[in-house]
């Protein structure tokens, strides 16, 4: 038998609903974007070892990039500069990618990792460690929001 006291006790134990989980949109350049074909051309040139052409394609794509597309291109260009052993350029491009990045902790964590690698290759151990710590923090945020 349920009593009034029992109902009141159940009401006091109400469960607080969990915060709604965030679904982050994937960070990518849509196939319909004019920058997409240039990105694909850059990736193809890089796979052939033609980093100069890859860089030129990416720079052209940046000129026509739409909202949230620039971060993809800056990241790609930063990764290319690391491959060319130009860590200072890579660091600047990774920072640009971060400024353009949407609120997506996984994407941003990857950018911070790229930044950490660029700083490490420049001999900046403290800056690299700080960037890795930020990447770890963002990954924790991404996991907790699922």
N, C-alpha and C. Protein backbone atom coordinates (compact mmCIF):
# COMPACT_ATOMS: atom_id res chain seq x y z
N UNK A 1 0.83 -1.16 0.00
CA UNK A 1 0.00 0.00 0.00
C UNK A 1 0.90 1.25 0.00
N UNK A 2 0.59 2.20 -0.85
CA UNK A 2 1.37 3.43 -0.95
C UNK A 2 0.71 4.47 -0.05
N UNK A 3 1.51 5.06 0.80
CA UNK A 3 1.01 6.08 1.71
C UNK A 3 1.43 7.46 1.21
N UNK A 4 0.80 8.46 1.76
CA UNK A 4 1.17 9.84 1.41
C UNK A 4 2.62 10.09 1.78
N UNK A 5 3.06 9.59 2.90
CA UNK A 5 4.46 9.78 3.32
C UNK A 5 5.39 9.11 2.32
N UNK A 6 4.99 7.96 1.81
CA UNK A 6 5.82 7.25 0.82
C UNK A 6 5.92 8.04 -0.47
N UNK A 7 4.83 8.62 -0.91
CA UNK A 7 4.86 9.44 -2.12
C UNK A 7 5.72 10.67 -1.94
N UNK A 8 5.62 11.29 -0.75
CA UNK A 8 6.45 12.47 -0.48
C UNK A 8 7.92 12.09 -0.48
N UNK A 9 8.25 10.93 0.05
CA UNK A 9 9.64 10.48 0.08
C UNK A 9 10.15 10.25 -1.33
N UNK A 10 9.31 9.66 -2.19
CA UNK A 10 9.72 9.45 -3.58
C UNK A 10 9.94 10.78 -4.30
N UNK A 11 9.09 11.76 -4.01
CA UNK A 11 9.23 13.07 -4.63
C UNK A 11 10.53 13.75 -4.24
N UNK A 12 10.98 13.50 -3.02
CA UNK A 12 12.23 14.10 -2.55
C UNK A 12 13.44 13.46 -3.21
N UNK A 13 13.26 12.29 -3.78
CA UNK A 13 14.37 11.57 -4.41
C UNK A 13 14.37 11.75 -5.92
N UNK A 14 13.76 12.80 -6.38
CA UNK A 14 13.68 13.01 -7.83
C UNK A 14 15.08 13.02 -8.43
N UNK A 15 15.16 12.42 -9.59
CA UNK A 15 16.45 12.32 -10.30
C UNK A 15 16.62 13.56 -11.17
N UNK A 16 17.76 14.17 -11.08
CA UNK A 16 18.07 15.30 -11.93
C UNK A 16 18.42 14.77 -13.32
N UNK A 17 17.76 15.26 -14.34
CA UNK A 17 18.07 14.75 -15.68
C UNK A 17 19.49 15.11 -16.08
N UNK A 18 20.09 14.24 -16.86
CA UNK A 18 21.44 14.51 -17.37
C UNK A 18 21.37 15.65 -18.36
N UNK A 19 22.46 16.38 -18.43
CA UNK A 19 22.54 17.45 -19.43
C UNK A 19 22.47 16.81 -20.81
N UNK A 20 21.81 17.46 -21.72
CA UNK A 20 21.73 16.87 -23.06
C UNK A 20 23.12 16.72 -23.67
N UNK A 21 23.31 15.63 -24.35
CA UNK A 21 24.61 15.39 -24.98
C UNK A 21 24.72 16.25 -26.23
N UNK A 22 25.91 16.73 -26.45
CA UNK A 22 26.14 17.55 -27.63
C UNK A 22 26.56 16.65 -28.78
N UNK A 23 25.95 16.86 -29.90
CA UNK A 23 26.38 16.21 -31.12
C UNK A 23 27.15 17.25 -31.92
N UNK A 24 28.41 17.00 -32.11
CA UNK A 24 29.23 17.94 -32.85
C UNK A 24 29.22 17.55 -34.32
N UNK A 25 28.99 18.54 -35.15
CA UNK A 25 29.01 18.29 -36.58
C UNK A 25 30.43 17.90 -37.00
N UNK A 26 30.54 16.98 -37.92
CA UNK A 26 31.88 16.64 -38.41
C UNK A 26 32.52 17.86 -39.07
N UNK A 27 33.80 17.96 -38.89
CA UNK A 27 34.53 19.09 -39.48
C UNK A 27 35.12 18.58 -40.80
N UNK A 28 34.53 19.04 -41.88
CA UNK A 28 34.96 18.58 -43.20
C UNK A 28 34.53 19.60 -44.24
N UNK A 29 35.07 19.46 -45.40
CA UNK A 29 34.68 20.30 -46.53
C UNK A 29 33.71 19.49 -47.38
N UNK A 30 32.48 19.99 -47.56
CA UNK A 30 31.50 19.23 -48.35
C UNK A 30 31.96 19.05 -49.79
N UNK A 31 31.54 17.94 -50.38
CA UNK A 31 31.89 17.65 -51.77
C UNK A 31 31.44 18.76 -52.71
N UNK A 32 30.38 19.46 -52.35
CA UNK A 32 29.83 20.50 -53.22
C UNK A 32 30.61 21.82 -53.16
N UNK A 33 31.54 21.93 -52.22
CA UNK A 33 32.31 23.17 -52.08
C UNK A 33 33.38 23.27 -53.16
N UNK A 34 33.60 24.48 -53.67
CA UNK A 34 34.69 24.65 -54.65
C UNK A 34 36.06 24.31 -54.06
N UNK A 35 36.20 24.44 -52.75
CA UNK A 35 37.49 24.14 -52.12
C UNK A 35 37.75 22.64 -52.04
N UNK A 36 36.71 21.83 -52.15
CA UNK A 36 36.87 20.38 -52.00
C UNK A 36 37.77 19.78 -53.08
N UNK A 37 37.55 20.14 -54.32
CA UNK A 37 38.37 19.56 -55.40
C UNK A 37 39.83 19.99 -55.27
N UNK A 38 40.06 21.21 -54.80
CA UNK A 38 41.44 21.66 -54.59
C UNK A 38 42.09 20.90 -53.43
N UNK A 39 41.33 20.61 -52.39
CA UNK A 39 41.84 19.82 -51.27
C UNK A 39 42.22 18.42 -51.76
N UNK A 40 41.37 17.83 -52.56
CA UNK A 40 41.67 16.50 -53.11
C UNK A 40 42.90 16.54 -54.01
N UNK A 41 43.03 17.59 -54.80
CA UNK A 41 44.22 17.74 -55.66
C UNK A 41 45.48 17.89 -54.80
N UNK A 42 45.36 18.62 -53.70
CA UNK A 42 46.50 18.80 -52.79
C UNK A 42 46.91 17.46 -52.18
N UNK A 43 45.94 16.69 -51.76
CA UNK A 43 46.24 15.38 -51.17
C UNK A 43 46.88 14.45 -52.19
N UNK A 44 46.40 14.51 -53.42
CA UNK A 44 46.97 13.69 -54.49
C UNK A 44 48.41 14.10 -54.78
N UNK A 45 48.65 15.40 -54.86
CA UNK A 45 50.01 15.90 -55.11
C UNK A 45 50.94 15.50 -53.98
N UNK A 46 50.47 15.59 -52.77
CA UNK A 46 51.30 15.21 -51.62
C UNK A 46 51.63 13.72 -51.65
N UNK A 47 50.65 12.91 -52.00
CA UNK A 47 50.90 11.47 -52.05
C UNK A 47 51.93 11.12 -53.12
N UNK A 48 52.06 11.97 -54.14
CA UNK A 48 53.09 11.78 -55.17
C UNK A 48 54.43 12.39 -54.76
N UNK A 49 54.45 13.05 -53.60
CA UNK A 49 55.68 13.68 -53.13
C UNK A 49 55.87 15.10 -53.61
N UNK A 50 54.88 15.65 -54.27
CA UNK A 50 54.97 17.02 -54.78
C UNK A 50 54.37 17.98 -53.76
N UNK A 51 55.15 18.26 -52.71
CA UNK A 51 54.64 19.11 -51.63
C UNK A 51 54.45 20.56 -52.08
N UNK A 52 55.24 20.99 -53.03
CA UNK A 52 55.09 22.36 -53.54
C UNK A 52 53.72 22.56 -54.17
N UNK A 53 53.33 21.63 -55.04
CA UNK A 53 52.01 21.72 -55.68
C UNK A 53 50.91 21.57 -54.64
N UNK A 54 51.11 20.68 -53.68
CA UNK A 54 50.10 20.49 -52.63
C UNK A 54 49.86 21.80 -51.88
N UNK A 55 50.93 22.48 -51.54
CA UNK A 55 50.81 23.76 -50.85
C UNK A 55 50.09 24.80 -51.68
N UNK A 56 50.39 24.84 -52.98
CA UNK A 56 49.73 25.81 -53.86
C UNK A 56 48.22 25.53 -53.95
N UNK A 57 47.86 24.26 -54.07
CA UNK A 57 46.43 23.91 -54.11
C UNK A 57 45.72 24.34 -52.82
N UNK A 58 46.36 24.08 -51.69
CA UNK A 58 45.74 24.43 -50.40
C UNK A 58 45.59 25.94 -50.26
N UNK A 59 46.60 26.68 -50.68
CA UNK A 59 46.53 28.14 -50.59
C UNK A 59 45.43 28.69 -51.50
N UNK A 60 45.27 28.10 -52.67
CA UNK A 60 44.16 28.53 -53.55
C UNK A 60 42.81 28.19 -52.93
N UNK A 61 42.72 27.02 -52.33
CA UNK A 61 41.47 26.61 -51.69
C UNK A 61 41.09 27.55 -50.56
N UNK A 62 42.09 28.05 -49.83
CA UNK A 62 41.81 28.98 -48.74
C UNK A 62 41.13 30.24 -49.25
N UNK A 63 41.45 30.65 -50.46
CA UNK A 63 40.85 31.85 -51.04
C UNK A 63 39.36 31.71 -51.32
N UNK A 64 38.88 30.48 -51.39
CA UNK A 64 37.46 30.27 -51.68
C UNK A 64 36.75 29.48 -50.58
N UNK A 65 37.43 29.30 -49.46
CA UNK A 65 36.86 28.51 -48.37
C UNK A 65 35.69 29.21 -47.71
N UNK A 66 34.67 28.43 -47.41
CA UNK A 66 33.49 28.95 -46.71
C UNK A 66 33.65 28.81 -45.21
N UNK A 67 32.58 29.10 -44.50
CA UNK A 67 32.56 28.99 -43.05
C UNK A 67 32.91 27.57 -42.64
N UNK A 68 33.78 27.44 -41.67
CA UNK A 68 34.27 26.17 -41.11
C UNK A 68 35.13 25.35 -42.07
N UNK A 69 35.34 25.82 -43.29
CA UNK A 69 36.21 25.10 -44.21
C UNK A 69 37.66 25.49 -44.04
N UNK A 70 37.91 26.73 -43.66
CA UNK A 70 39.28 27.21 -43.52
C UNK A 70 40.06 26.41 -42.49
N UNK A 71 39.41 26.00 -41.41
CA UNK A 71 40.12 25.24 -40.38
C UNK A 71 40.66 23.93 -40.94
N UNK A 72 39.91 23.29 -41.83
CA UNK A 72 40.36 22.04 -42.46
C UNK A 72 41.59 22.31 -43.32
N UNK A 73 41.54 23.38 -44.07
CA UNK A 73 42.64 23.71 -44.98
C UNK A 73 43.89 24.14 -44.22
N UNK A 74 43.71 24.94 -43.17
CA UNK A 74 44.87 25.35 -42.38
C UNK A 74 45.51 24.14 -41.70
N UNK A 75 44.68 23.21 -41.23
CA UNK A 75 45.23 22.00 -40.60
C UNK A 75 46.01 21.18 -41.61
N UNK A 76 45.45 21.03 -42.78
CA UNK A 76 46.12 20.27 -43.84
C UNK A 76 47.45 20.92 -44.22
N UNK A 77 47.44 22.24 -44.32
CA UNK A 77 48.65 22.98 -44.66
C UNK A 77 49.68 22.90 -43.54
N UNK A 78 49.23 22.95 -42.29
CA UNK A 78 50.16 22.82 -41.15
C UNK A 78 50.82 21.45 -41.16
N UNK A 79 50.03 20.42 -41.42
CA UNK A 79 50.57 19.06 -41.49
C UNK A 79 51.59 18.94 -42.63
N UNK A 80 51.29 19.58 -43.75
CA UNK A 80 52.22 19.58 -44.89
C UNK A 80 53.53 20.27 -44.51
N UNK A 81 53.44 21.40 -43.82
CA UNK A 81 54.66 22.13 -43.41
C UNK A 81 55.49 21.30 -42.43
N UNK A 82 54.84 20.54 -41.57
CA UNK A 82 55.60 19.63 -40.68
C UNK A 82 56.34 18.59 -41.51
N UNK A 83 55.67 18.06 -42.51
CA UNK A 83 56.31 17.06 -43.38
C UNK A 83 57.48 17.66 -44.14
N UNK A 84 57.42 18.95 -44.43
CA UNK A 84 58.52 19.65 -45.11
C UNK A 84 59.59 20.12 -44.13
N UNK A 85 59.45 19.76 -42.86
CA UNK A 85 60.37 20.16 -41.80
C UNK A 85 60.41 21.68 -41.63
N UNK A 86 59.21 22.27 -41.62
CA UNK A 86 59.04 23.71 -41.38
C UNK A 86 58.12 23.89 -40.17
N UNK A 87 58.63 23.51 -38.97
CA UNK A 87 57.76 23.52 -37.80
C UNK A 87 57.26 24.91 -37.39
N UNK A 88 58.03 25.95 -37.64
CA UNK A 88 57.58 27.30 -37.29
C UNK A 88 56.35 27.68 -38.13
N UNK A 89 56.42 27.39 -39.42
CA UNK A 89 55.26 27.65 -40.29
C UNK A 89 54.07 26.80 -39.84
N UNK A 90 54.34 25.54 -39.51
CA UNK A 90 53.27 24.63 -39.07
C UNK A 90 52.59 25.16 -37.81
N UNK A 91 53.38 25.70 -36.89
CA UNK A 91 52.81 26.24 -35.65
C UNK A 91 51.84 27.39 -35.96
N UNK A 92 52.27 28.30 -36.80
CA UNK A 92 51.41 29.43 -37.15
C UNK A 92 50.12 28.99 -37.83
N UNK A 93 50.23 28.01 -38.70
CA UNK A 93 49.05 27.51 -39.40
C UNK A 93 48.11 26.75 -38.47
N UNK A 94 48.68 26.00 -37.52
CA UNK A 94 47.85 25.29 -36.54
C UNK A 94 47.09 26.30 -35.67
N UNK A 95 47.75 27.39 -35.32
CA UNK A 95 47.07 28.44 -34.54
C UNK A 95 45.93 29.08 -35.35
N UNK A 96 46.17 29.28 -36.64
CA UNK A 96 45.10 29.82 -37.51
C UNK A 96 43.93 28.84 -37.57
N UNK A 97 44.25 27.55 -37.68
CA UNK A 97 43.20 26.53 -37.72
C UNK A 97 42.38 26.56 -36.43
N UNK A 98 43.07 26.75 -35.30
CA UNK A 98 42.37 26.83 -34.02
C UNK A 98 41.44 28.04 -33.96
N UNK A 99 41.89 29.17 -34.49
CA UNK A 99 41.04 30.37 -34.48
C UNK A 99 39.78 30.16 -35.32
N UNK A 100 39.89 29.39 -36.37
CA UNK A 100 38.76 29.16 -37.28
C UNK A 100 37.92 27.95 -36.87
N UNK A 101 38.40 27.16 -35.92
CA UNK A 101 37.77 25.89 -35.59
C UNK A 101 36.41 26.07 -34.91
N UNK A 102 35.47 25.20 -35.27
CA UNK A 102 34.18 25.22 -34.59
C UNK A 102 34.32 24.61 -33.20
N UNK A 103 33.26 24.70 -32.43
CA UNK A 103 33.29 24.13 -31.09
C UNK A 103 33.09 22.62 -31.19
N UNK A 104 34.19 21.94 -31.43
CA UNK A 104 34.20 20.49 -31.53
C UNK A 104 35.46 20.03 -30.80
N UNK A 105 35.32 19.54 -29.57
CA UNK A 105 36.50 19.24 -28.76
C UNK A 105 37.46 18.23 -29.40
N UNK A 106 36.94 17.25 -30.10
CA UNK A 106 37.83 16.26 -30.73
C UNK A 106 38.68 16.92 -31.82
N UNK A 107 38.03 17.73 -32.64
CA UNK A 107 38.75 18.43 -33.71
C UNK A 107 39.80 19.36 -33.12
N UNK A 108 39.40 20.13 -32.12
CA UNK A 108 40.32 21.07 -31.49
C UNK A 108 41.48 20.34 -30.80
N UNK A 109 41.20 19.18 -30.19
CA UNK A 109 42.27 18.40 -29.55
C UNK A 109 43.31 17.97 -30.58
N UNK A 110 42.86 17.57 -31.75
CA UNK A 110 43.79 17.20 -32.82
C UNK A 110 44.66 18.36 -33.25
N UNK A 111 44.06 19.55 -33.28
CA UNK A 111 44.84 20.74 -33.64
C UNK A 111 45.88 21.06 -32.57
N UNK A 112 45.49 20.89 -31.29
CA UNK A 112 46.46 21.13 -30.22
C UNK A 112 47.59 20.11 -30.27
N UNK A 113 47.31 18.87 -30.67
CA UNK A 113 48.37 17.86 -30.84
C UNK A 113 49.33 18.26 -31.95
N UNK A 114 48.76 18.76 -33.04
CA UNK A 114 49.58 19.24 -34.15
C UNK A 114 50.47 20.39 -33.70
N UNK A 115 49.90 21.29 -32.92
CA UNK A 115 50.64 22.42 -32.37
C UNK A 115 51.75 21.93 -31.45
N UNK A 116 51.46 20.92 -30.63
CA UNK A 116 52.45 20.36 -29.72
C UNK A 116 53.63 19.77 -30.50
N UNK A 117 53.34 19.07 -31.58
CA UNK A 117 54.40 18.48 -32.40
C UNK A 117 55.27 19.56 -33.03
N UNK A 118 54.62 20.61 -33.55
CA UNK A 118 55.38 21.71 -34.16
C UNK A 118 56.29 22.38 -33.12
N UNK A 119 55.77 22.59 -31.93
CA UNK A 119 56.59 23.21 -30.88
C UNK A 119 57.73 22.30 -30.44
N UNK A 120 57.45 21.03 -30.35
CA UNK A 120 58.49 20.07 -29.96
C UNK A 120 59.63 20.07 -30.98
N UNK A 121 59.29 20.12 -32.26
CA UNK A 121 60.32 20.11 -33.31
C UNK A 121 61.12 21.40 -33.34
N UNK A 122 60.61 22.44 -32.69
CA UNK A 122 61.35 23.69 -32.59
C UNK A 122 62.16 23.74 -31.30
N UNK A 123 62.08 22.68 -30.49
CA UNK A 123 62.81 22.65 -29.23
C UNK A 123 62.10 23.33 -28.09
N UNK A 124 60.82 23.61 -28.24
CA UNK A 124 60.03 24.28 -27.22
C UNK A 124 59.28 23.22 -26.40
N UNK A 125 60.00 22.59 -25.47
CA UNK A 125 59.41 21.50 -24.68
C UNK A 125 58.26 21.99 -23.81
N UNK A 126 58.42 23.16 -23.21
CA UNK A 126 57.37 23.70 -22.34
C UNK A 126 56.10 24.01 -23.13
N UNK A 127 56.26 24.64 -24.28
CA UNK A 127 55.11 24.95 -25.13
C UNK A 127 54.44 23.69 -25.66
N UNK A 128 55.25 22.70 -25.98
CA UNK A 128 54.71 21.42 -26.45
C UNK A 128 53.90 20.74 -25.36
N UNK A 129 54.43 20.73 -24.15
CA UNK A 129 53.72 20.11 -23.02
C UNK A 129 52.40 20.82 -22.74
N UNK A 130 52.40 22.13 -22.82
CA UNK A 130 51.17 22.90 -22.58
C UNK A 130 50.13 22.58 -23.65
N UNK A 131 50.56 22.46 -24.89
CA UNK A 131 49.63 22.14 -25.97
C UNK A 131 49.08 20.72 -25.81
N UNK A 132 49.92 19.78 -25.41
CA UNK A 132 49.44 18.40 -25.18
C UNK A 132 48.46 18.35 -24.02
N UNK A 133 48.71 19.14 -22.99
CA UNK A 133 47.79 19.19 -21.85
C UNK A 133 46.42 19.72 -22.29
N UNK A 134 46.42 20.71 -23.15
CA UNK A 134 45.15 21.25 -23.65
C UNK A 134 44.44 20.21 -24.52
N UNK A 135 45.19 19.47 -25.32
CA UNK A 135 44.60 18.40 -26.13
C UNK A 135 43.96 17.34 -25.23
N UNK A 136 44.66 16.97 -24.17
CA UNK A 136 44.12 15.97 -23.23
C UNK A 136 42.86 16.49 -22.55
N UNK A 137 42.87 17.77 -22.17
CA UNK A 137 41.70 18.36 -21.52
C UNK A 137 40.50 18.32 -22.46
N UNK A 138 40.72 18.67 -23.72
CA UNK A 138 39.63 18.68 -24.69
C UNK A 138 39.12 17.27 -24.97
N UNK A 139 40.02 16.31 -25.00
CA UNK A 139 39.58 14.92 -25.20
C UNK A 139 38.71 14.47 -24.04
N UNK A 140 39.08 14.86 -22.82
CA UNK A 140 38.24 14.55 -21.67
C UNK A 140 36.88 15.20 -21.78
N UNK A 141 36.85 16.42 -22.27
CA UNK A 141 35.58 17.14 -22.47
C UNK A 141 34.73 16.42 -23.51
N UNK A 142 35.38 15.93 -24.58
CA UNK A 142 34.65 15.25 -25.64
C UNK A 142 34.03 13.95 -25.11
N UNK A 143 34.78 13.24 -24.28
CA UNK A 143 34.29 11.98 -23.73
C UNK A 143 33.13 12.24 -22.77
N UNK A 144 33.25 13.27 -21.94
CA UNK A 144 32.20 13.54 -20.95
C UNK A 144 30.92 14.08 -21.59
N UNK A 145 31.01 14.59 -22.82
CA UNK A 145 29.81 15.13 -23.48
C UNK A 145 29.07 14.06 -24.28
N UNK A 146 29.60 12.85 -24.31
CA UNK A 146 28.93 11.78 -25.07
C UNK A 146 27.85 11.15 -24.27
